Amino acid sequence: MNKTITLVPTKTPFTAVCSWFSALLVLALLTLGTLITTYRVGMVDPIWPTEPWYLLSQNWSEPSAGYFIEHIHRVVGYISGFAILGMMLASFLANGTKTYKFASAICIVAVSLGVAIAMTSIDRTKAMADPIGAVNQMKMRTGLGITLVSSLFLLFQSIKALKNNEQHSGLRFLALLSYLGVISQGLLGGLRVYLHALVGPELATIHGATGQMVFALVAGTAILATFPGALPKLEDKEKRLLPIIGWALVAALLFQLVWAVIVRHGGQPWAQRFHMIGAFIVFGIVAWLSLRMAGSIHGRPFFKPYTILLGLVVFIQVILGVEAYIGKFATGKPLIQEAVTFGQATVRTFHALTGALLLAISFAAALRISQVARYKGLQNES
């Protein structure tokens, strides 16, 4: 008799819709962020924080297109934050007792309130002359303290739910990480502008790397929210090996991301070498994982979308990477960091976005593989 594993958890369609909507918004945010880096317009307006409607109150005769790109980037950041907040609320309120839902909602609102208080602690007029002295220290500490305490409570509850194998616990945990990630990303982006004169461009490099990680978290949440009807039954060897390869690919891509942002922001020769070596390693792990998933007798149909997506995206990424490198470092002319032609801007932007997409797909694949390997569901004879 054949045995199949059938999933029994309830579906979360509203959370899935919120997750995919959030993922699309973060992708748009990444696109604008890569354009800012490509054209080097991140400091066209040193004023921060600004309200979502700030651009509407400015002089529309501003000649710099970078000014609008930067402020539209900030607006999309606000919208993305609210969308991910909705995604997290949907995931936390989908299950649990009324007391748990109420406590979770209060803490989620408290996290957002704390961030708002911290952001409004900066006097933008004084900040132009004295960035440190323009901060209301008491207000800043109060806001960050509320955020920290509320976040720790939510993290504790999420980790506890994971250990107890509660329904949708993984979904809630990833949604929480996504929201904390987008908050951290927003603060990093602001500090990158606010403290640029004091700390230099290093915060911009970190901001660029963490943006792709946030996208991977949101995409992973969307994948888990879109729960399939059934999981395949894997061989014992596949259960042990596939998760290791999947998470090894994620780790390799994270290291590759480090070298990528350093190359984009600084172009150091040592970073170029590590980035090229990393590309070969990533390509090898993708090929290894794809062959293993395609060779799984019972899991081949389930893993087929991930196999196709990984192969297609890594192929496109290699082509874009070669073209981006030649257009930036192999022209025989002095290095110019910003793109000077539309073609250069297009190639560099799509190369960065494809890298983010590859990380998101790999993260989602690793999550699904781990889910298949660990899930202990009902076994129905057929």
Protein backbone atom coordinates (compact mmCIF):
# COMPACT_ATOMS: atom_id res chain seq x y z
CA MET A 1 0.00 0.00 0.00
CA ASN A 2 1.19 3.52 -0.76
CA LYS A 3 1.16 6.08 1.98
CA THR A 4 0.85 9.78 1.44
CA ILE A 5 1.11 12.60 3.93
CA THR A 6 -1.87 14.91 3.90
CA LEU A 7 -1.89 18.36 5.44
CA VAL A 8 -4.69 19.26 7.79
CA PRO A 9 -4.03 22.89 8.88
CA THR A 10 -6.59 25.48 7.94
CA LYS A 11 -5.69 27.81 5.11
CA THR A 12 -4.96 31.50 5.59
CA PRO A 13 -6.11 33.18 2.35
CA PHE A 14 -6.22 36.72 3.79
CA THR A 15 -2.69 36.39 5.18
CA ALA A 16 -1.53 35.03 1.81
CA VAL A 17 -3.01 38.03 -0.03
CA CYS A 18 -1.40 40.45 2.44
CA SER A 19 1.92 38.61 2.11
CA TRP A 20 2.06 38.72 -1.68
CA PHE A 21 0.96 42.36 -1.72
CA SER A 22 3.72 43.16 0.78
CA ALA A 23 6.27 41.24 -1.28
CA LEU A 24 5.38 43.25 -4.41
CA LEU A 25 5.70 46.50 -2.48
CA VAL A 26 9.09 45.52 -1.08
CA LEU A 27 10.19 44.56 -4.59
CA ALA A 28 9.19 48.05 -5.77
CA LEU A 29 11.07 49.49 -2.79
CA LEU A 30 14.16 47.51 -3.75
CA THR A 31 13.88 48.72 -7.34
CA LEU A 32 13.87 52.35 -6.21
CA GLY A 33 16.72 51.65 -3.80
CA THR A 34 18.89 50.14 -6.51
CA LEU A 35 18.18 53.14 -8.75
CA ILE A 36 19.30 55.45 -5.93
CA THR A 37 22.56 53.51 -5.63
CA THR A 38 23.00 53.26 -9.40
CA TYR A 39 22.68 57.02 -9.87
CA ARG A 40 24.27 57.90 -6.50
CA VAL A 41 21.42 60.17 -5.41
CA GLY A 42 20.98 58.94 -1.83
CA MET A 43 22.04 62.28 -0.33
CA VAL A 44 20.09 64.68 -2.56
CA ASP A 45 17.99 65.64 0.48
CA PRO A 46 19.74 65.35 3.88
CA ILE A 47 16.53 66.08 5.80
CA TRP A 48 15.19 63.09 7.76
CA PRO A 49 12.70 61.96 8.91
CA THR A 50 10.11 63.22 6.47
CA GLU A 51 6.36 62.60 6.41
CA PRO A 52 4.79 60.43 3.67
CA TRP A 53 3.21 63.58 2.18
CA TYR A 54 6.45 65.61 2.39
CA LEU A 55 7.02 65.56 -1.37
CA LEU A 56 3.64 67.20 -2.02
CA SER A 57 4.67 70.27 -0.03
CA GLN A 58 7.91 70.83 -1.97
CA ASN A 59 8.71 72.91 -5.01
CA TRP A 60 7.85 70.78 -8.04
CA SER A 61 10.31 72.75 -10.17
CA GLU A 62 13.18 70.85 -8.49
CA PRO A 63 15.49 70.03 -11.42
CA SER A 64 16.98 66.80 -10.04
CA ALA A 65 15.20 63.55 -10.90
CA GLY A 66 17.14 61.94 -8.06
CA TYR A 67 15.26 64.11 -5.56
CA PHE A 68 11.96 62.56 -6.63
CA ILE A 69 13.40 59.03 -6.76
CA GLU A 70 14.68 59.39 -3.19
CA HIS A 71 11.39 60.72 -1.80
CA ILE A 72 9.22 58.26 -3.72
CA HIS A 73 11.49 55.59 -2.23
CA ARG A 74 10.65 56.91 1.25
CA VAL A 75 6.90 56.97 0.49
CA VAL A 76 6.94 53.37 -0.78
CA GLY A 77 8.87 52.48 2.38
CA TYR A 78 6.03 53.85 4.51
CA ILE A 79 3.42 51.97 2.46
CA SER A 80 5.45 48.74 2.63
CA GLY A 81 5.71 49.07 6.40
CA PHE A 82 1.94 49.42 6.79
CA ALA A 83 1.33 46.48 4.40
CA ILE A 84 3.70 44.23 6.37
CA LEU A 85 2.04 45.42 9.58
CA GLY A 86 -1.28 44.22 8.13
CA MET A 87 0.34 40.93 7.12
CA MET A 88 1.63 40.41 10.66
CA LEU A 89 -1.70 41.29 12.25
CA ALA A 90 -3.46 38.83 9.92
CA SER A 91 -1.04 36.03 10.79
CA PHE A 92 -1.17 36.61 14.56
CA LEU A 93 -4.95 36.96 14.68
CA ALA A 94 -5.60 33.86 12.57
CA ASN A 95 -5.21 31.48 15.52
CA GLY A 96 -5.16 31.41 19.31
CA THR A 97 -7.40 32.40 22.18
CA LYS A 98 -9.03 35.81 22.48
CA THR A 99 -6.56 36.74 25.22
CA TYR A 100 -3.60 35.79 23.03
CA LYS A 101 -4.97 37.73 20.07
CA PHE A 102 -5.65 40.80 22.19
CA ALA A 103 -2.19 40.74 23.79
CA SER A 104 -0.54 40.25 20.40
CA ALA A 105 -2.48 43.13 18.84
CA ILE A 106 -1.54 45.46 21.73
CA CYS A 107 2.16 44.56 21.40
CA ILE A 108 2.12 44.97 17.61
CA VAL A 109 0.58 48.43 17.96
CA ALA A 110 3.13 49.23 20.70
CA VAL A 111 6.02 48.34 18.40
CA SER A 112 4.74 50.76 15.76
CA LEU A 113 4.01 53.47 18.34
CA GLY A 114 7.52 53.17 19.77
CA VAL A 115 9.08 53.59 16.34
CA ALA A 116 6.90 56.66 15.67
CA ILE A 117 7.95 58.24 18.98
CA ALA A 118 11.64 57.58 18.23
CA MET A 119 11.39 59.09 14.75
CA THR A 120 9.71 62.27 16.04
CA SER A 121 12.46 62.80 18.61
CA ILE A 122 14.64 64.51 15.97
CA ASP A 123 14.44 68.27 15.42
CA ARG A 124 15.02 68.53 11.66
CA THR A 125 15.87 72.25 11.79
CA LYS A 126 18.63 71.78 14.37
CA ALA A 127 19.83 68.59 12.68
CA MET A 128 21.32 70.52 9.77
CA ALA A 129 23.89 72.12 12.10
CA ASP A 130 24.12 69.63 14.99
CA PRO A 131 22.86 66.08 14.21
CA ILE A 132 23.54 64.68 17.69
CA GLY A 133 22.26 67.70 19.64
CA ALA A 134 19.03 67.73 17.62
CA VAL A 135 17.86 64.48 19.22
CA ASN A 136 15.56 64.54 22.24
CA GLN A 137 17.32 61.78 24.18
CA MET A 138 14.46 61.04 26.57
CA LYS A 139 11.94 60.76 23.75
CA MET A 140 14.29 58.59 21.69
CA ARG A 141 14.97 56.19 24.58
CA THR A 142 11.27 55.98 25.44
CA GLY A 143 10.31 55.11 21.88
CA LEU A 144 13.06 52.55 21.39
CA GLY A 145 12.35 51.07 24.84
CA ILE A 146 8.66 50.53 24.01
CA THR A 147 9.64 48.96 20.69
CA LEU A 148 12.24 46.68 22.25
CA VAL A 149 10.03 45.40 25.09
CA SER A 150 7.06 44.76 22.79
CA SER A 151 9.26 43.05 20.18
CA LEU A 152 10.84 40.78 22.79
CA PHE A 153 7.40 39.72 24.03
CA LEU A 154 6.25 38.89 20.50
CA LEU A 155 9.50 37.03 19.76
CA PHE A 156 9.18 35.02 22.99
CA GLN A 157 5.60 34.05 22.16
CA SER A 158 6.52 33.13 18.57
CA ILE A 159 9.49 30.97 19.59
CA LYS A 160 7.34 29.28 22.24
CA ALA A 161 4.69 28.52 19.61
CA LEU A 162 7.37 27.06 17.31
CA LYS A 163 8.63 24.75 20.04
CA ASN A 164 5.07 23.59 20.77
CA ASN A 165 4.40 22.99 17.05
CA GLU A 166 1.36 25.23 17.14
CA GLN A 167 -0.64 25.79 13.97
CA HIS A 168 0.85 28.48 11.68
CA SER A 169 3.61 29.18 14.20
CA GLY A 170 6.23 29.33 11.46
CA LEU A 171 4.07 31.77 9.51
CA ARG A 172 3.67 34.07 12.52
CA PHE A 173 7.39 33.93 13.26
CA LEU A 174 8.39 34.89 9.71
CA ALA A 175 5.75 37.64 9.57
CA LEU A 176 7.15 39.08 12.82
CA LEU A 177 10.73 38.93 11.51
CA SER A 178 9.54 40.63 8.31
CA TYR A 179 7.98 43.51 10.24
CA LEU A 180 10.96 43.96 12.55
CA GLY A 181 13.16 43.76 9.47
CA VAL A 182 11.31 46.47 7.54
CA ILE A 183 11.36 48.72 10.64
CA SER A 184 15.11 48.21 11.03
CA GLN A 185 15.56 48.81 7.31
CA GLY A 186 13.64 52.06 7.50
CA LEU A 187 15.68 53.28 10.47
CA LEU A 188 18.91 52.28 8.73
CA GLY A 189 17.85 54.18 5.64
CA GLY A 190 17.10 57.25 7.73
CA LEU A 191 20.33 57.05 9.70
CA ARG A 192 22.21 56.57 6.43
CA VAL A 193 20.97 60.08 5.47
CA TYR A 194 20.97 61.64 8.94
CA LEU A 195 24.47 60.53 10.01
CA HIS A 196 26.18 60.50 6.62
CA ALA A 197 28.47 63.40 7.53
CA LEU A 198 29.56 61.67 10.75
CA VAL A 199 30.00 58.02 9.77
CA GLY A 200 30.38 58.13 5.98
CA PRO A 201 28.86 55.74 3.41
CA GLU A 202 29.16 52.53 5.47
CA LEU A 203 25.52 52.68 6.59
CA ALA A 204 24.46 52.85 2.95
CA THR A 205 26.28 49.57 2.30
CA ILE A 206 24.57 47.86 5.24
CA HIS A 207 21.22 49.35 4.21
CA GLY A 208 21.59 47.88 0.71
CA ALA A 209 22.36 44.39 2.00
CA THR A 210 19.58 44.19 4.59
CA GLY A 211 16.98 45.33 2.07
CA GLN A 212 17.37 42.11 0.12
CA MET A 213 17.15 40.09 3.34
CA VAL A 214 13.85 41.77 4.22
CA PHE A 215 12.51 40.92 0.77
CA ALA A 216 13.52 37.28 1.30
CA LEU A 217 11.68 37.21 4.65
CA VAL A 218 8.50 38.69 3.18
CA ALA A 219 8.62 36.34 0.19
CA GLY A 220 9.18 33.41 2.55
CA THR A 221 6.14 34.47 4.56
CA ALA A 222 4.07 34.58 1.38
CA ILE A 223 5.21 31.06 0.45
CA LEU A 224 4.25 29.67 3.86
CA ALA A 225 0.91 31.50 3.83
CA THR A 226 0.10 29.88 0.49
CA PHE A 227 -0.02 26.41 2.08
CA PRO A 228 -0.22 23.48 -0.37
CA GLY A 229 -2.74 20.70 -0.15
CA ALA A 230 -0.26 17.89 0.37
CA LEU A 231 3.43 17.28 0.99
CA PRO A 232 5.41 14.44 -0.60
CA LYS A 233 6.88 11.56 1.33
CA LEU A 234 10.67 11.67 1.04
CA GLU A 235 13.27 8.98 1.55
CA ASP A 236 15.24 9.15 4.80
CA LYS A 237 18.42 10.18 2.96
CA GLU A 238 16.56 12.98 1.19
CA LYS A 239 15.15 14.23 4.49
CA ARG A 240 18.67 14.55 5.87
CA LEU A 241 20.48 15.90 2.81
CA LEU A 242 18.03 18.26 1.06
CA PRO A 243 17.61 20.70 4.00
CA ILE A 244 21.40 20.92 4.39
CA ILE A 245 21.85 21.81 0.70
CA GLY A 246 18.93 24.25 0.78
CA TRP A 247 20.21 26.22 3.76
CA ALA A 248 23.78 26.03 2.44
CA LEU A 249 22.52 27.84 -0.67
CA VAL A 250 20.90 30.54 1.48
CA ALA A 251 24.13 30.97 3.47
CA ALA A 252 26.20 31.18 0.28
CA LEU A 253 23.87 33.82 -1.15
CA LEU A 254 24.07 35.89 2.04
CA PHE A 255 27.87 35.90 1.80
CA GLN A 256 27.57 36.71 -1.90
CA LEU A 257 25.31 39.61 -0.99
CA VAL A 258 27.99 41.07 1.27
CA TRP A 259 30.53 41.19 -1.56
CA ALA A 260 27.87 42.47 -3.97
CA VAL A 261 26.98 45.56 -1.95
CA ILE A 262 30.65 46.35 -1.35
CA VAL A 263 31.31 46.11 -5.09
CA ARG A 264 28.29 48.31 -5.88
CA HIS A 265 29.15 50.97 -3.32
CA GLY A 266 32.95 50.93 -3.40
CA GLY A 267 34.28 48.66 -6.14
CA GLN A 268 37.23 47.36 -4.07
CA PRO A 269 39.32 44.78 -6.00
CA TRP A 270 39.29 42.25 -3.15
CA ALA A 271 35.46 42.40 -3.04
CA GLN A 272 35.33 41.86 -6.81
CA ARG A 273 37.40 38.69 -6.44
CA PHE A 274 35.26 37.31 -3.61
CA HIS A 275 32.10 38.14 -5.55
CA MET A 276 33.31 36.21 -8.60
CA ILE A 277 34.39 33.21 -6.53
CA GLY A 278 31.04 33.32 -4.74
CA ALA A 279 29.21 33.27 -8.06
CA PHE A 280 30.84 29.92 -8.95
CA ILE A 281 29.99 28.51 -5.51
CA VAL A 282 26.35 29.63 -5.73
CA PHE A 283 26.02 28.22 -9.24
CA GLY A 284 27.40 24.87 -8.05
CA ILE A 285 25.05 24.65 -5.05
CA VAL A 286 22.04 25.59 -7.21
CA ALA A 287 22.96 22.83 -9.67
CA TRP A 288 23.44 20.32 -6.82
CA LEU A 289 20.14 21.21 -5.15
CA SER A 290 18.23 21.20 -8.44
CA LEU A 291 19.58 17.76 -9.39
CA ARG A 292 18.67 16.37 -5.98
CA MET A 293 15.14 17.78 -6.12
CA ALA A 294 14.65 16.58 -9.70
CA GLY A 295 15.97 13.14 -8.71
CA SER A 296 13.51 12.71 -5.84
CA ILE A 297 11.05 10.02 -6.89
CA HIS A 298 8.17 11.20 -4.72
CA GLY A 299 9.13 14.86 -4.36
CA ARG A 300 9.91 15.71 -8.02
CA PRO A 301 6.45 17.17 -8.86
CA PHE A 302 6.34 19.17 -5.61
CA PHE A 303 9.85 20.61 -6.11
CA LYS A 304 9.52 21.22 -9.86
CA PRO A 305 8.56 24.93 -9.60
CA TYR A 306 11.57 25.64 -7.37
CA THR A 307 13.89 23.71 -9.67
CA ILE A 308 12.73 25.68 -12.71
CA LEU A 309 12.82 29.05 -10.95
CA LEU A 310 16.28 28.51 -9.45
CA GLY A 311 17.75 27.41 -12.77
CA LEU A 312 16.16 30.24 -14.74
CA VAL A 313 16.99 33.02 -12.28
CA VAL A 314 20.60 31.95 -11.68
CA PHE A 315 21.16 31.76 -15.46
CA ILE A 316 19.82 35.30 -15.94
CA GLN A 317 21.82 36.52 -12.94
CA VAL A 318 25.10 35.22 -14.36
CA ILE A 319 24.48 36.95 -17.71
CA LEU A 320 23.54 40.24 -16.02
CA GLY A 321 26.53 39.95 -13.68
CA VAL A 322 29.00 39.58 -16.55
CA GLU A 323 27.47 42.52 -18.40
CA ALA A 324 27.38 44.70 -15.26
CA TYR A 325 31.02 43.92 -14.49
CA ILE A 326 32.22 44.67 -18.02
CA GLY A 327 30.22 47.89 -18.18
CA LYS A 328 31.66 49.13 -14.89
CA PHE A 329 35.19 47.74 -14.51
CA ALA A 330 36.34 46.59 -17.97
CA THR A 331 35.80 49.70 -20.06
CA GLY A 332 39.49 50.69 -20.13
CA LYS A 333 38.50 54.06 -18.64
CA PRO A 334 38.76 55.46 -15.09
CA LEU A 335 36.14 53.96 -12.78
CA ILE A 336 32.93 55.96 -12.46
CA GLN A 337 30.68 54.64 -9.68
CA GLU A 338 27.42 56.11 -10.93
CA ALA A 339 25.78 54.89 -14.13
CA VAL A 340 26.26 57.34 -17.00
CA THR A 341 23.96 55.73 -19.56
CA PHE A 342 20.46 54.27 -19.47
CA GLY A 343 21.86 50.87 -20.47
CA GLN A 344 24.31 50.81 -17.57
CA ALA A 345 21.59 51.80 -15.12
CA THR A 346 19.23 49.12 -16.46
CA VAL A 347 21.80 46.31 -16.30
CA ARG A 348 23.02 47.20 -12.79
CA THR A 349 19.49 47.63 -11.44
CA PHE A 350 18.22 44.34 -12.88
CA HIS A 351 21.36 42.54 -11.69
CA ALA A 352 20.70 43.71 -8.12
CA LEU A 353 16.98 42.88 -8.31
CA THR A 354 17.64 39.43 -9.77
CA GLY A 355 20.05 38.77 -6.91
CA ALA A 356 17.33 39.70 -4.43
CA LEU A 357 14.87 37.45 -6.26
CA LEU A 358 17.34 34.55 -6.22
CA LEU A 359 17.79 34.95 -2.46
CA ALA A 360 14.01 35.04 -1.95
CA ILE A 361 13.42 31.92 -4.06
CA SER A 362 16.26 30.07 -2.32
CA PHE A 363 14.94 31.06 1.09
CA ALA A 364 11.43 29.92 0.17
CA ALA A 365 12.77 26.65 -1.25
CA ALA A 366 14.79 25.98 1.90
CA LEU A 367 11.71 26.63 4.03
CA ARG A 368 9.60 24.28 1.94
CA ILE A 369 12.28 21.58 1.95
CA SER A 370 12.58 21.81 5.74
CA GLN A 371 8.80 21.66 6.01
CA VAL A 372 8.67 18.51 3.91
CA ALA A 373 11.49 16.89 5.87
CA ARG A 374 10.04 17.69 9.30
CA TYR A 375 6.28 17.59 8.90
CA LYS A 376 4.53 14.76 10.73
CA GLY A 377 1.01 14.72 9.40
CA LEU A 378 -1.76 12.23 9.05
CA GLN A 379 -0.92 9.12 7.03
CA ASN A 380 -3.84 7.87 5.00
CA GLU A 381 -3.65 4.56 3.22
CA SER A 382 -4.57 4.71 -0.45
